[in-house]
Amino acid sequence: MSQPRITFIGAGNMAASLIGGLRAQGVPAERIQASDPGAECRERIAAEHGIATFESNHEAVSGADIVVLSVKPQVMKAVCQDLAGSLPEQALIVSIAAGISCASLENWLGPRALVRCMPNTPSLVRQGVSGLYANPQVSTEQRQQTEQLLSAVGLALWLDEEVLIDAVTAVSGSGPAYFFLMMQAMTSAGEALGLPRETAALLAAHTALGAGRMACESGVAPDELRRRVTSPNGTTEAAIKAFQAGGFEPLVEQAVRAAAQRSAELAQQLGQ
């Protein structure tokens, strides 16, 4: 499979992370380019990754095989409508903007091969996970190219239905904040027990890191991992019982459902 020419429309943090991941995978700098209205942003990304940058979106997409839309959702409609006449006919469009449906993109760009992605913020340190949905016009080769693109910053998982993007948003897109909240609460609890706040914060953060790696690398289900660390009548069991007495599992489900509902609402608003 030949290396496609990839253009990023918008050169913010997520685009920079994807570009850095691609370069680390060995993708030549001459196969990647980006556009951004900010001169400082263009200069930084060109210096860091050795790629060509443009102020004009129209210039940037010339000859592109893949166009990654990485602008803020609020400006996506205007950017797409402006670009529609300049996009190469066979170019794959990959959107990493939250809340923008394929139907909206097709309405603004015309019928095209489209992949909608929902990466999360740990992608910025190449530890992300992304949900991907391809419309029927996307070829097998284009799916492989998209997977290579998103795999540059973490795990890429395909979805059979676009509606599931809302669930991905609720679980993994917003999910890092849930863990940050947990770490914040654990830090405060540790401080209340007498630990220096900095020590409590390090204990909470590294415990989260270690638990996550065990869940990802051990091949053991989370419920079994929890069972293994929970001795009968021990300290962990006391904590787990306190969580459950407070309705921990139903509260998590309620929170994730609220995020999914809001994701669907934003998609409807942003697509108008």
Protein backbone atom coordinates (compact mmCIF):
# COMPACT_ATOMS: atom_id res chain seq x y z
CA MET A 1 0.00 0.00 0.00
CA SER A 2 1.57 3.28 -1.11
CA GLN A 3 1.90 6.08 1.40
CA PRO A 4 -0.93 8.60 0.87
CA ARG A 5 -0.50 12.35 0.93
CA ILE A 6 -2.17 13.62 4.11
CA THR A 7 -3.36 17.16 4.71
CA PHE A 8 -4.49 18.45 8.10
CA ILE A 9 -6.97 21.31 8.10
CA GLY A 10 -6.22 22.90 11.45
CA ALA A 11 -2.88 22.38 13.19
CA GLY A 12 -3.86 22.40 16.86
CA ASN A 13 -2.84 19.97 19.59
CA MET A 14 -4.62 16.88 18.27
CA ALA A 15 -3.36 17.42 14.72
CA ALA A 16 0.17 17.95 16.06
CA SER A 17 -0.08 14.72 18.03
CA LEU A 18 -1.24 12.76 14.97
CA ILE A 19 1.51 14.28 12.83
CA GLY A 20 4.10 13.45 15.47
CA GLY A 21 2.81 9.88 15.66
CA LEU A 22 2.93 9.47 11.89
CA ARG A 23 6.48 10.83 11.74
CA ALA A 24 7.50 8.45 14.54
CA GLN A 25 6.08 5.59 12.46
CA GLY A 26 8.38 6.60 9.63
CA VAL A 27 5.94 8.49 7.40
CA PRO A 28 8.07 10.95 5.37
CA ALA A 29 7.56 14.64 6.14
CA GLU A 30 6.94 15.34 2.44
CA ARG A 31 3.78 13.18 2.59
CA ILE A 32 2.23 15.37 5.29
CA GLN A 33 1.14 19.00 5.22
CA ALA A 34 -1.09 21.23 7.28
CA SER A 35 -2.97 24.51 7.11
CA ASP A 36 -3.85 26.89 9.91
CA PRO A 37 -4.76 30.58 10.06
CA GLY A 38 -2.29 31.20 12.90
CA ALA A 39 1.27 32.00 11.79
CA GLU A 40 2.74 30.98 15.15
CA CYS A 41 0.97 27.61 15.00
CA ARG A 42 2.20 27.00 11.44
CA GLU A 43 5.78 27.91 12.35
CA ARG A 44 5.78 25.64 15.40
CA ILE A 45 4.43 22.58 13.63
CA ALA A 46 6.73 23.08 10.65
CA ALA A 47 9.76 23.38 12.94
CA GLU A 48 8.81 20.37 15.07
CA HIS A 49 7.94 17.97 12.25
CA GLY A 50 9.57 19.35 9.10
CA ILE A 51 6.30 19.45 7.14
CA ALA A 52 4.99 22.05 4.71
CA THR A 53 2.37 24.41 6.11
CA PHE A 54 -0.11 26.78 4.49
CA GLU A 55 -2.30 29.65 5.54
CA SER A 56 -4.76 28.75 2.77
CA ASN A 57 -6.85 25.60 3.18
CA HIS A 58 -7.34 25.52 -0.60
CA GLU A 59 -3.59 25.32 -1.25
CA ALA A 60 -3.11 22.70 1.44
CA VAL A 61 -5.62 20.20 0.00
CA SER A 62 -4.22 20.26 -3.53
CA GLY A 63 -3.14 16.71 -4.40
CA ALA A 64 -4.18 15.27 -1.03
CA ASP A 65 -5.30 11.64 -0.72
CA ILE A 66 -6.54 12.11 2.84
CA VAL A 67 -7.86 15.35 4.31
CA VAL A 68 -8.10 15.38 8.11
CA LEU A 69 -10.59 17.93 9.40
CA SER A 70 -9.17 18.93 12.78
CA VAL A 71 -10.81 22.29 13.38
CA LYS A 72 -13.16 23.18 16.22
CA PRO A 73 -16.71 21.84 15.75
CA GLN A 74 -18.14 25.36 15.90
CA VAL A 75 -16.31 26.41 12.72
CA MET A 76 -16.57 23.10 10.85
CA LYS A 77 -19.57 24.11 8.74
CA ALA A 78 -17.91 27.29 7.47
CA VAL A 79 -14.61 25.51 6.79
CA CYS A 80 -16.30 22.68 4.89
CA GLN A 81 -18.50 24.93 2.80
CA ASP A 82 -15.47 27.01 1.85
CA LEU A 83 -13.40 23.91 0.98
CA ALA A 84 -16.05 21.92 -0.89
CA GLY A 85 -15.05 23.10 -4.35
CA SER A 86 -11.30 22.59 -3.80
CA LEU A 87 -11.18 19.03 -2.47
CA PRO A 88 -9.73 16.39 -4.79
CA GLU A 89 -12.61 14.21 -5.98
CA GLN A 90 -11.17 10.92 -4.67
CA ALA A 91 -9.82 12.26 -1.39
CA LEU A 92 -10.85 10.53 1.83
CA ILE A 93 -12.22 12.94 4.43
CA VAL A 94 -11.44 12.10 8.06
CA SER A 95 -13.17 14.20 10.71
CA ILE A 96 -11.87 14.21 14.27
CA ALA A 97 -14.28 16.93 15.39
CA ALA A 98 -16.70 15.96 18.16
CA GLY A 99 -20.40 16.16 17.38
CA ILE A 100 -20.25 16.50 13.59
CA SER A 101 -22.18 13.72 11.86
CA CYS A 102 -21.43 12.20 8.46
CA ALA A 103 -24.79 13.51 7.25
CA SER A 104 -23.75 17.05 8.13
CA LEU A 105 -20.38 16.63 6.43
CA GLU A 106 -22.05 15.24 3.29
CA ASN A 107 -24.48 18.15 3.32
CA TRP A 108 -21.59 20.64 3.41
CA LEU A 109 -19.09 18.77 1.18
CA GLY A 110 -21.28 16.66 -1.09
CA PRO A 111 -21.23 12.84 -1.36
CA ARG A 112 -17.76 11.61 -0.40
CA ALA A 113 -15.79 8.88 1.32
CA LEU A 114 -15.98 9.93 4.97
CA VAL A 115 -14.61 8.55 8.22
CA ARG A 116 -15.78 10.04 11.48
CA CYS A 117 -13.45 9.57 14.46
CA MET A 118 -13.69 10.21 18.18
CA PRO A 119 -10.16 10.30 19.64
CA ASN A 120 -9.61 11.22 23.29
CA THR A 121 -7.12 13.53 24.96
CA PRO A 122 -4.55 10.86 25.96
CA SER A 123 -3.87 10.80 22.21
CA LEU A 124 -1.75 13.85 22.98
CA VAL A 125 0.73 11.49 24.70
CA ARG A 126 0.09 8.65 22.20
CA GLN A 127 -1.95 6.67 24.70
CA GLY A 128 -5.33 7.41 23.19
CA VAL A 129 -8.23 5.33 21.98
CA SER A 130 -10.47 6.26 19.06
CA GLY A 131 -13.82 5.05 17.78
CA LEU A 132 -14.04 5.10 13.96
CA TYR A 133 -17.05 4.94 11.65
CA ALA A 134 -16.76 4.77 7.84
CA ASN A 135 -19.57 5.59 5.43
CA PRO A 136 -20.27 3.16 2.55
CA GLN A 137 -18.09 5.09 0.07
CA VAL A 138 -14.90 4.31 2.03
CA SER A 139 -12.80 1.60 0.39
CA THR A 140 -10.93 -1.19 2.15
CA GLU A 141 -7.64 0.57 1.43
CA GLN A 142 -8.97 3.84 2.84
CA ARG A 143 -10.08 2.06 6.01
CA GLN A 144 -6.56 0.70 6.39
CA GLN A 145 -5.10 4.17 5.84
CA THR A 146 -7.41 5.66 8.47
CA GLU A 147 -6.52 2.94 10.94
CA GLN A 148 -2.81 3.66 10.38
CA LEU A 149 -3.48 7.36 10.97
CA LEU A 150 -5.33 6.95 14.27
CA SER A 151 -3.12 4.08 15.45
CA ALA A 152 -0.25 6.59 15.44
CA VAL A 153 -1.64 7.93 18.74
CA GLY A 154 -3.12 4.81 20.32
CA LEU A 155 -5.80 2.18 19.79
CA ALA A 156 -8.28 2.51 16.89
CA LEU A 157 -11.58 0.61 17.06
CA TRP A 158 -14.10 0.38 14.20
CA LEU A 159 -17.84 0.81 14.78
CA ASP A 160 -20.57 -0.70 12.60
CA GLU A 161 -23.09 2.08 13.29
CA GLU A 162 -22.47 5.81 13.44
CA VAL A 163 -24.95 6.24 16.32
CA LEU A 164 -22.43 4.38 18.52
CA ILE A 165 -20.10 7.39 18.29
CA ASP A 166 -22.22 8.95 21.05
CA ALA A 167 -21.48 5.95 23.29
CA VAL A 168 -17.76 6.16 22.44
CA THR A 169 -17.83 9.85 23.31
CA ALA A 170 -19.47 9.05 26.65
CA VAL A 171 -17.11 6.20 27.58
CA SER A 172 -13.70 7.20 26.20
CA GLY A 173 -14.04 10.69 24.75
CA SER A 174 -15.18 12.20 28.04
CA GLY A 175 -13.78 9.29 30.06
CA PRO A 176 -10.35 10.72 30.94
CA ALA A 177 -12.11 13.42 32.99
CA TYR A 178 -13.87 10.73 35.03
CA PHE A 179 -10.52 9.25 36.02
CA PHE A 180 -9.08 12.70 36.72
CA LEU A 181 -12.04 13.34 39.03
CA MET A 182 -11.37 10.04 40.79
CA MET A 183 -7.68 10.91 41.19
CA GLN A 184 -8.62 14.33 42.51
CA ALA A 185 -10.96 12.78 45.08
CA MET A 186 -8.39 10.16 46.11
CA THR A 187 -5.76 12.87 46.49
CA SER A 188 -8.02 14.92 48.75
CA ALA A 189 -8.92 11.81 50.79
CA GLY A 190 -5.24 10.93 51.19
CA GLU A 191 -4.47 14.47 52.30
CA ALA A 192 -7.32 14.28 54.83
CA LEU A 193 -5.67 11.15 56.22
CA GLY A 194 -2.44 13.05 56.79
CA LEU A 195 -0.44 12.54 53.60
CA PRO A 196 1.30 15.55 51.99
CA ARG A 197 -0.87 16.58 49.03
CA GLU A 198 1.95 16.06 46.53
CA THR A 199 2.55 12.55 47.84
CA ALA A 200 -1.16 11.71 47.75
CA ALA A 201 -1.42 13.02 44.18
CA LEU A 202 1.50 10.88 43.02
CA LEU A 203 0.08 7.81 44.73
CA ALA A 204 -3.32 8.34 43.07
CA ALA A 205 -1.92 9.07 39.60
CA HIS A 206 0.51 6.17 39.52
CA THR A 207 -2.07 3.80 40.96
CA ALA A 208 -4.38 4.78 38.08
CA LEU A 209 -1.56 4.28 35.59
CA GLY A 210 -0.66 0.88 36.99
CA ALA A 211 -4.25 -0.30 37.16
CA GLY A 212 -4.85 0.80 33.58
CA ARG A 213 -1.78 -1.05 32.32
CA MET A 214 -2.82 -4.19 34.19
CA ALA A 215 -6.29 -4.00 32.65
CA CYS A 216 -4.86 -3.51 29.15
CA GLU A 217 -1.91 -5.90 29.27
CA SER A 218 -2.92 -8.78 31.55
CA GLY A 219 -5.74 -10.17 29.41
CA VAL A 220 -7.79 -10.51 32.61
CA ALA A 221 -11.27 -8.96 32.94
CA PRO A 222 -11.59 -6.00 35.34
CA ASP A 223 -14.02 -7.82 37.63
CA GLU A 224 -11.49 -10.64 38.07
CA LEU A 225 -8.62 -8.20 38.63
CA ARG A 226 -10.72 -6.51 41.30
CA ARG A 227 -11.52 -9.88 42.92
CA ARG A 228 -7.82 -10.77 43.06
CA VAL A 229 -6.92 -7.62 44.98
CA THR A 230 -9.96 -7.76 47.29
CA SER A 231 -9.19 -10.01 50.26
CA PRO A 232 -12.20 -11.10 52.37
CA ASN A 233 -12.72 -8.70 55.28
CA GLY A 234 -9.69 -6.70 54.15
CA THR A 235 -9.06 -3.03 53.47
CA THR A 236 -10.04 -3.14 49.79
CA GLU A 237 -13.32 -4.90 50.54
CA ALA A 238 -14.16 -2.20 53.08
CA ALA A 239 -13.60 0.48 50.44
CA ILE A 240 -15.54 -1.39 47.73
CA LYS A 241 -18.50 -1.87 50.07
CA ALA A 242 -18.47 1.85 50.82
CA PHE A 243 -18.48 2.66 47.09
CA GLN A 244 -21.36 0.27 46.43
CA ALA A 245 -23.37 1.50 49.42
CA GLY A 246 -23.20 4.93 47.83
CA GLY A 247 -24.58 3.61 44.52
CA PHE A 248 -21.29 3.71 42.64
CA GLU A 249 -22.21 1.54 39.63
CA PRO A 250 -25.65 3.14 38.98
CA LEU A 251 -24.08 6.58 39.35
CA VAL A 252 -21.40 5.77 36.75
CA GLU A 253 -24.07 4.51 34.34
CA GLN A 254 -26.14 7.66 34.92
CA ALA A 255 -23.11 9.84 34.22
CA VAL A 256 -22.13 8.00 31.03
CA ARG A 257 -25.73 8.12 29.76
CA ALA A 258 -25.82 11.86 30.41
CA ALA A 259 -22.65 12.32 28.35
CA ALA A 260 -24.06 10.21 25.50
CA GLN A 261 -27.29 12.20 25.49
CA ARG A 262 -25.40 15.48 25.41
CA SER A 263 -23.23 14.17 22.56
CA ALA A 264 -26.35 13.46 20.51
CA GLU A 265 -27.80 16.90 21.32
CA LEU A 266 -24.58 18.66 20.27
CA ALA A 267 -24.48 16.71 17.00
CA GLN A 268 -27.98 17.93 16.20
CA GLN A 269 -27.14 21.54 17.08
CA LEU A 270 -23.77 21.64 15.28
CA GLY A 271 -25.16 19.99 12.17
CA GLN A 272 -27.78 22.65 11.52
